[in-house]
Amino acid sequence: MLAIIKSVLLGLVIVATVLAIFAAYGPAFFIDGRSPFQINFFAAAIIGLLVGWLAPRLVGARLHDHLRSAVLIAVPILVVQAVVTSHFQVVFRELNPVMDKVFGALMLWSVAFVLIGGTLRRKP
């Protein structure tokens, strides 16, 4: 039960951190050109994969509960990101509102890799 609560809280901490980073450094993420977008998506995939692979250990989930823990980390991130994406202009006033689609896609991409990371096998 404690691992469930810790997983949800970790998801909320992660999403709060992501929002704080985007509020401070958002314009640096959304620059013109193909390479920067590819770099952003590659970084989001690697970070999401590591979170999904490592976070269940951090919250104390049993080995057979790692996927459930990754899902419980991902759900609050998805819920908050859905709200933020639909109210992008309100949350990120300094960013171009047209970038809401890119922001939403980047978040979905990274959360998908959190779930993939939760499926990776680990040794006990």
Protein backbone atom coordinates (compact mmCIF):
# COMPACT_ATOMS: atom_id res chain seq x y z
CA MET A 1 0.00 0.00 0.00
CA LEU A 2 2.82 2.37 0.85
CA ALA A 3 4.47 1.75 -2.55
CA ILE A 4 1.20 2.75 -4.24
CA ILE A 5 1.04 6.07 -2.40
CA LYS A 6 4.73 6.70 -3.01
CA SER A 7 4.31 5.95 -6.73
CA VAL A 8 1.46 8.44 -7.12
CA LEU A 9 3.34 11.06 -5.11
CA LEU A 10 6.46 10.50 -7.21
CA GLY A 11 4.37 11.02 -10.36
CA LEU A 12 3.10 14.31 -8.94
CA VAL A 13 6.63 15.40 -8.01
CA ILE A 14 7.85 14.54 -11.51
CA VAL A 15 5.07 16.48 -13.21
CA ALA A 16 5.60 19.47 -10.91
CA THR A 17 9.30 19.41 -11.75
CA VAL A 18 8.61 19.20 -15.49
CA LEU A 19 6.19 22.12 -15.30
CA ALA A 20 8.70 24.20 -13.33
CA ILE A 21 11.42 23.44 -15.88
CA PHE A 22 9.14 24.37 -18.78
CA ALA A 23 8.04 27.55 -17.02
CA ALA A 24 11.66 28.60 -16.58
CA TYR A 25 13.28 27.24 -19.73
CA GLY A 26 10.36 26.63 -22.11
CA PRO A 27 11.54 28.92 -24.89
CA ALA A 28 14.80 26.96 -25.09
CA PHE A 29 12.87 23.75 -25.76
CA PHE A 30 10.76 25.18 -28.56
CA ILE A 31 13.22 26.50 -31.07
CA ASP A 32 12.94 26.25 -34.83
CA GLY A 33 14.67 23.50 -36.72
CA ARG A 34 14.50 19.74 -36.92
CA SER A 35 17.58 18.79 -34.90
CA PRO A 36 16.55 20.48 -31.64
CA PHE A 37 13.16 18.76 -31.75
CA GLN A 38 14.83 15.42 -32.36
CA ILE A 39 17.19 16.04 -29.46
CA ASN A 40 14.26 16.96 -27.18
CA PHE A 41 12.34 13.82 -28.10
CA PHE A 42 15.41 11.61 -27.72
CA ALA A 43 16.14 13.10 -24.29
CA ALA A 44 12.49 12.66 -23.24
CA ALA A 45 12.61 9.01 -24.31
CA ILE A 46 15.81 8.30 -22.37
CA ILE A 47 14.61 10.13 -19.25
CA GLY A 48 11.21 8.41 -19.40
CA LEU A 49 12.83 5.00 -19.83
CA LEU A 50 15.12 5.58 -16.86
CA VAL A 51 12.25 6.82 -14.69
CA GLY A 52 10.15 3.77 -15.56
CA TRP A 53 13.06 1.45 -14.90
CA LEU A 54 14.42 3.04 -11.72
CA ALA A 55 11.47 4.73 -10.03
CA PRO A 56 9.68 1.54 -8.90
CA ARG A 57 12.84 0.63 -7.00
CA LEU A 58 12.95 4.07 -5.42
CA VAL A 59 9.41 3.80 -4.10
CA GLY A 60 10.04 0.31 -2.72
CA ALA A 61 7.81 -1.66 -5.08
CA ARG A 62 8.26 -5.41 -5.05
CA LEU A 63 9.86 -6.92 -8.13
CA HIS A 64 6.54 -8.24 -9.47
CA ASP A 65 4.84 -4.85 -8.88
CA HIS A 66 7.25 -2.71 -10.93
CA LEU A 67 4.88 -2.32 -13.88
CA ARG A 68 1.99 -1.32 -11.61
CA SER A 69 4.26 1.17 -9.91
CA ALA A 70 5.29 2.64 -13.29
CA VAL A 71 1.62 2.95 -14.24
CA LEU A 72 0.83 4.70 -10.95
CA ILE A 73 3.69 7.09 -11.61
CA ALA A 74 2.47 7.73 -15.17
CA VAL A 75 -1.22 8.34 -14.40
CA PRO A 76 -0.85 11.59 -12.43
CA ILE A 77 1.61 12.83 -15.04
CA LEU A 78 -0.89 12.13 -17.82
CA VAL A 79 -3.79 13.75 -15.98
CA VAL A 80 -1.90 16.93 -15.13
CA GLN A 81 -0.34 17.14 -18.59
CA ALA A 82 -3.77 16.81 -20.23
CA VAL A 83 -5.03 19.77 -18.20
CA VAL A 84 -1.89 21.80 -18.86
CA THR A 85 -1.98 21.09 -22.60
CA SER A 86 -5.61 22.16 -22.85
CA HIS A 87 -4.82 25.37 -20.94
CA PHE A 88 -1.35 25.90 -22.38
CA GLN A 89 -1.68 29.67 -22.86
CA VAL A 90 -2.73 30.14 -19.23
CA VAL A 91 0.02 27.97 -17.72
CA PHE A 92 2.86 29.04 -20.02
CA ARG A 93 2.19 32.69 -20.84
CA GLU A 94 5.64 33.32 -22.31
CA LEU A 95 5.41 30.45 -24.79
CA ASN A 96 3.79 30.52 -28.19
CA PRO A 97 0.32 28.93 -27.80
CA VAL A 98 0.80 27.08 -31.09
CA MET A 99 3.42 24.92 -29.35
CA ASP A 100 0.79 23.22 -27.18
CA LYS A 101 0.63 20.30 -29.61
CA VAL A 102 4.38 19.79 -29.47
CA PHE A 103 4.33 20.01 -25.68
CA GLY A 104 1.52 17.46 -25.44
CA ALA A 105 3.25 15.12 -27.87
CA LEU A 106 6.53 15.40 -25.97
CA MET A 107 4.81 14.58 -22.69
CA LEU A 108 2.93 11.59 -24.16
CA TRP A 109 6.16 10.37 -25.71
CA SER A 110 8.06 10.53 -22.41
CA VAL A 111 5.26 8.91 -20.39
CA ALA A 112 5.07 6.08 -22.93
CA PHE A 113 8.74 5.43 -22.22
CA VAL A 114 8.04 5.48 -18.48
CA LEU A 115 5.62 2.61 -19.10
CA ILE A 116 8.10 0.81 -21.34
CA GLY A 117 10.75 1.20 -18.64
CA GLY A 118 8.36 -0.36 -16.15
CA THR A 119 8.19 -3.50 -18.26
CA LEU A 120 11.94 -4.04 -18.43
CA ARG A 121 13.12 -7.07 -16.54
CA ARG A 122 15.33 -6.64 -13.53
CA LYS A 123 17.34 -8.98 -11.46
CA PRO A 124 16.25 -9.27 -7.82
